[in-house]
């Protein structure tokens, strides 16, 4: 591979599809090289009675693999770093010992080193990941932003780093919100395929329904903030994309 065009780096299965599923499908269909690195199997999430709790990580891994196929992602890696969930107490579950157990990237140099190795191997032109506030301040989202930022800096490569950026923040997550610099409207045929990919994450059915209820308009709109970008609002993440 000469270089990857677009690489998504996120902590959990399903983080890839809500904010970037349509973009991944469209770019793959244009002949661009797309990739996904997911750092955890999401084993601290809800089972919804679909599997025993101890099997949740592997169950979600299979869900993610099916979604990856539908999103037409060319390169995929799933790791099993520990997953934490701030809302675990809502179900009376013990909180997962995830990235929040340690503060800062200094406590997880192995993740930064792993990502640095992948950047050297894949040489992506652009990366999508979470914003500094994680979008919703989820510990794993924030930590992943830090890991990616440090790895990109250490790589010395020129990589465009895009953050998930909703058009408007929820009041409770307004602090640290970054406005979109790129807004993409997803065509209907791509949206239908994106919805199929979302449906593979069966354990996340409640999250999917909540997203549809609160942010229905964002199903067909994907918006991003390009770090250090000061130009006019754009449509394409890769405006120099292959024809």
Protein backbone atom coordinates (compact mmCIF):
# COMPACT_ATOMS: atom_id res chain seq x y z
CA UNK A 1 0.00 0.00 0.00
CA UNK A 2 1.46 3.39 -1.03
CA UNK A 3 -0.57 5.32 1.52
CA UNK A 4 -3.99 5.09 3.08
CA UNK A 5 -6.39 7.88 2.22
CA UNK A 6 -8.63 7.86 5.29
CA UNK A 7 -8.09 6.11 8.63
CA UNK A 8 -10.63 6.15 11.49
CA UNK A 9 -9.24 5.55 14.99
CA UNK A 10 -11.82 5.08 17.77
CA UNK A 11 -12.08 3.27 21.12
CA UNK A 12 -15.31 1.26 20.75
CA UNK A 13 -17.24 -0.83 18.25
CA UNK A 14 -19.98 1.45 16.77
CA UNK A 15 -17.90 4.65 17.14
CA UNK A 16 -17.04 4.31 13.46
CA UNK A 17 -20.55 4.26 12.01
CA UNK A 18 -22.53 7.04 13.70
CA UNK A 19 -20.24 9.87 12.71
CA UNK A 20 -18.35 8.60 9.67
CA UNK A 21 -20.19 5.60 8.22
CA UNK A 22 -21.46 7.40 5.14
CA UNK A 23 -18.11 9.03 4.44
CA UNK A 24 -16.33 5.68 4.69
CA UNK A 25 -18.76 4.09 2.22
CA UNK A 26 -18.59 6.97 -0.25
CA UNK A 27 -14.81 7.16 -0.23
CA UNK A 28 -14.40 3.41 -0.65
CA UNK A 29 -16.71 3.54 -3.67
CA UNK A 30 -14.54 6.27 -5.16
CA UNK A 31 -11.55 3.99 -4.98
CA UNK A 32 -9.91 5.54 -1.92
CA UNK A 33 -8.16 3.36 0.64
CA UNK A 34 -10.07 3.41 3.93
CA UNK A 35 -9.18 1.88 7.28
CA UNK A 36 -10.41 1.44 10.83
CA UNK A 37 -8.54 0.87 14.08
CA UNK A 38 -10.73 0.14 17.12
CA UNK A 39 -8.89 0.00 20.43
CA UNK A 40 -11.32 -1.97 22.63
CA UNK A 41 -14.01 -4.62 22.18
CA UNK A 42 -16.50 -2.60 24.21
CA UNK A 43 -16.81 -5.31 26.84
CA UNK A 44 -18.07 -2.86 29.49
CA UNK A 45 -21.26 -2.10 27.55
CA UNK A 46 -24.78 -3.49 27.79
CA UNK A 47 -25.60 -7.04 26.72
CA UNK A 48 -29.37 -6.47 26.24
CA UNK A 49 -29.69 -10.17 27.00
CA UNK A 50 -28.03 -11.12 23.70
CA UNK A 51 -25.10 -12.91 25.32
CA UNK A 52 -23.62 -13.64 28.75
CA UNK A 53 -21.69 -10.64 30.15
CA UNK A 54 -18.40 -12.51 29.96
CA UNK A 55 -18.91 -13.01 26.21
CA UNK A 56 -19.80 -9.42 25.39
CA UNK A 57 -16.38 -8.44 24.05
CA UNK A 58 -16.32 -11.23 21.48
CA UNK A 59 -19.99 -10.69 20.64
CA UNK A 60 -19.35 -7.01 19.88
CA UNK A 61 -16.24 -7.93 17.91
CA UNK A 62 -18.42 -10.00 15.58
CA UNK A 63 -20.93 -7.17 15.31
CA UNK A 64 -18.13 -4.83 14.34
CA UNK A 65 -16.73 -7.19 11.71
CA UNK A 66 -20.13 -7.35 10.01
CA UNK A 67 -20.42 -3.55 10.09
CA UNK A 68 -16.91 -3.20 8.62
CA UNK A 69 -17.90 -5.34 5.65
CA UNK A 70 -20.99 -3.23 4.99
CA UNK A 71 -18.98 0.00 5.32
CA UNK A 72 -16.59 -1.42 2.68
CA UNK A 73 -13.57 -0.67 4.88
CA UNK A 74 -10.40 -2.00 3.32
CA UNK A 75 -8.10 -2.22 6.37
CA UNK A 76 -9.36 -3.19 9.82
CA UNK A 77 -7.74 -3.91 13.17
CA UNK A 78 -9.48 -4.52 16.49
CA UNK A 79 -7.51 -4.51 19.73
CA UNK A 80 -8.56 -5.56 23.22
CA UNK A 81 -7.37 -2.78 25.49
CA UNK A 82 -9.68 -2.49 28.53
CA UNK A 83 -12.91 -0.60 28.00
CA UNK A 84 -14.47 1.66 30.61
CA UNK A 85 -17.98 3.11 30.68
CA UNK A 86 -18.91 6.05 32.92
CA UNK A 87 -22.59 5.06 32.88
CA UNK A 88 -22.05 1.50 34.10
CA UNK A 89 -23.73 2.31 37.41
CA UNK A 90 -27.02 2.81 35.55
CA UNK A 91 -27.27 -0.95 35.17
CA UNK A 92 -25.80 -1.77 38.55
CA UNK A 93 -22.63 -3.05 36.89
CA UNK A 94 -19.10 -2.47 38.07
CA UNK A 95 -17.31 0.16 36.06
CA UNK A 96 -14.87 -1.27 33.55
CA UNK A 97 -11.21 -0.70 34.25
CA UNK A 98 -10.68 1.32 31.12
CA UNK A 99 -8.49 4.21 30.06
CA UNK A 100 -9.96 6.33 32.89
CA UNK A 101 -8.06 4.20 35.40
CA UNK A 102 -4.92 6.08 34.39
CA UNK A 103 -4.54 9.76 33.66
CA UNK A 104 -2.85 10.93 30.48
CA UNK A 105 -1.01 9.27 27.63
CA UNK A 106 2.08 8.81 29.80
CA UNK A 107 0.25 5.93 31.51
CA UNK A 108 -0.37 4.13 28.20
CA UNK A 109 2.80 4.52 26.12
CA UNK A 110 2.12 1.11 24.55
CA UNK A 111 -1.01 2.48 22.83
CA UNK A 112 0.82 5.52 21.51
CA UNK A 113 3.64 3.28 20.28
CA UNK A 114 1.17 0.92 18.62
CA UNK A 115 -0.54 3.78 16.81
CA UNK A 116 2.80 5.27 15.82
CA UNK A 117 3.79 1.94 14.29
CA UNK A 118 0.52 1.84 12.34
CA UNK A 119 0.99 5.40 11.09
CA UNK A 120 4.46 4.52 9.85
CA UNK A 121 3.07 1.43 8.11
CA UNK A 122 -0.11 2.91 6.64
CA UNK A 123 0.98 6.54 6.12
CA UNK A 124 -2.59 7.89 6.17
CA UNK A 125 -3.37 11.17 4.47
CA UNK A 126 -6.23 11.85 6.87
CA UNK A 127 -7.45 10.54 10.23
CA UNK A 128 -10.86 10.80 11.88
CA UNK A 129 -11.01 10.52 15.68
CA UNK A 130 -12.63 12.18 18.67
CA UNK A 131 -12.25 15.83 19.65
CA UNK A 132 -10.32 16.86 22.79
CA UNK A 133 -13.49 16.75 24.90
CA UNK A 134 -14.44 13.37 23.45
CA UNK A 135 -17.73 14.78 22.18
CA UNK A 136 -19.49 13.65 25.37
CA UNK A 137 -16.52 13.61 27.76
CA UNK A 138 -16.42 9.79 27.75
CA UNK A 139 -13.08 8.80 29.28
CA UNK A 140 -12.21 6.46 26.43
CA UNK A 141 -13.07 9.06 23.78
CA UNK A 142 -10.88 11.68 25.44
CA UNK A 143 -8.01 9.23 25.92
CA UNK A 144 -8.19 8.12 22.29
CA UNK A 145 -7.92 11.73 21.17
CA UNK A 146 -4.78 12.04 23.28
CA UNK A 147 -3.26 8.81 21.95
CA UNK A 148 -3.88 9.79 18.33
CA UNK A 149 -2.60 13.33 18.81
CA UNK A 150 0.63 12.13 20.41
CA UNK A 151 1.19 9.43 17.79
CA UNK A 152 0.66 11.88 14.91
CA UNK A 153 3.08 14.34 16.50
CA UNK A 154 5.69 11.64 17.08
CA UNK A 155 5.33 10.36 13.53
CA UNK A 156 6.57 13.59 11.96
CA UNK A 157 4.14 12.97 9.09
CA UNK A 158 1.84 15.53 7.51
CA UNK A 159 -1.57 14.09 8.38
CA UNK A 160 -4.89 15.93 8.33
CA UNK A 161 -6.60 15.10 11.62
CA UNK A 162 -10.37 15.46 11.69
CA UNK A 163 -12.48 15.38 14.86
CA UNK A 164 -16.12 14.40 15.10
CA UNK A 165 -17.88 17.76 15.40
CA UNK A 166 -21.68 18.01 15.75
CA UNK A 167 -23.16 21.15 14.14
CA UNK A 168 -24.36 22.27 17.58
CA UNK A 169 -23.28 20.91 20.95
CA UNK A 170 -25.67 19.68 23.58
CA UNK A 171 -25.69 22.16 26.48
CA UNK A 172 -24.13 19.63 28.83
CA UNK A 173 -21.23 19.09 26.40
CA UNK A 174 -20.76 22.67 25.19
CA UNK A 175 -17.44 23.10 26.98
CA UNK A 176 -14.65 22.25 24.58
CA UNK A 177 -16.96 21.94 21.55
CA UNK A 178 -15.26 22.66 18.23
CA UNK A 179 -17.43 23.85 15.32
CA UNK A 180 -17.44 21.90 12.06
CA UNK A 181 -15.07 22.94 9.31
CA UNK A 182 -16.37 20.21 6.98
CA UNK A 183 -20.01 19.17 6.59
CA UNK A 184 -20.94 16.25 4.34
CA UNK A 185 -24.48 15.44 3.20
CA UNK A 186 -24.83 11.69 2.65
CA UNK A 187 -26.85 10.59 -0.43
CA UNK A 188 -29.83 8.30 0.09
CA UNK A 189 -28.30 5.12 -1.33
CA UNK A 190 -25.28 5.54 0.95
CA UNK A 191 -27.47 6.41 3.94
CA UNK A 192 -29.40 3.15 3.52
CA UNK A 193 -26.15 1.20 3.62
CA UNK A 194 -24.97 3.17 6.64
CA UNK A 195 -28.20 2.26 8.45
CA UNK A 196 -27.56 -1.42 7.68
CA UNK A 197 -24.11 -1.07 9.25
CA UNK A 198 -25.61 0.56 12.34
CA UNK A 199 -28.08 -2.32 12.62
CA UNK A 200 -25.22 -4.82 12.98
CA UNK A 201 -24.44 -3.34 16.40
CA UNK A 202 -27.37 -5.13 18.03
CA UNK A 203 -26.02 -4.70 21.56
CA UNK A 204 -26.12 -0.95 20.95
CA UNK A 205 -29.80 -0.90 19.97
CA UNK A 206 -30.69 1.53 22.77
CA UNK A 207 -27.91 3.90 21.72
CA UNK A 208 -29.03 3.67 18.09
CA UNK A 209 -32.63 4.47 19.01
CA UNK A 210 -31.55 7.33 21.26
CA UNK A 211 -29.43 8.78 18.46
CA UNK A 212 -32.34 8.52 16.01
CA UNK A 213 -34.67 10.17 18.50
CA UNK A 214 -32.40 13.08 19.41
CA UNK A 215 -30.33 13.56 16.25
CA UNK A 216 -32.36 12.18 13.34
CA UNK A 217 -31.11 14.96 11.05
CA UNK A 218 -27.52 13.89 11.63
CA UNK A 219 -28.02 10.41 10.19
CA UNK A 220 -27.56 11.88 6.71
CA UNK A 221 -25.16 14.63 7.77
CA UNK A 222 -21.60 13.96 8.93
CA UNK A 223 -19.60 16.88 10.25
CA UNK A 224 -15.97 17.22 11.27
CA UNK A 225 -13.47 19.75 12.59
CA UNK A 226 -10.09 19.76 10.87
CA UNK A 227 -7.36 20.60 13.36
CA UNK A 228 -5.58 23.89 12.63
CA UNK A 229 -7.87 24.65 9.67
CA UNK A 230 -8.86 28.30 9.18
CA UNK A 231 -10.38 28.27 5.68
CA UNK A 232 -14.01 28.34 4.51
CA UNK A 233 -16.50 25.61 5.29
CA UNK A 234 -15.77 22.56 3.13
CA UNK A 235 -17.69 19.53 1.93
CA UNK A 236 -14.94 16.98 1.21
CA UNK A 237 -12.50 15.73 3.83
CA UNK A 238 -10.19 14.86 0.95
CA UNK A 239 -10.79 17.62 -1.58
CA UNK A 240 -7.76 16.28 -3.40
CA UNK A 241 -9.46 12.87 -3.59
CA UNK A 242 -8.90 10.51 -6.49
CA UNK A 243 -11.30 10.99 -9.38
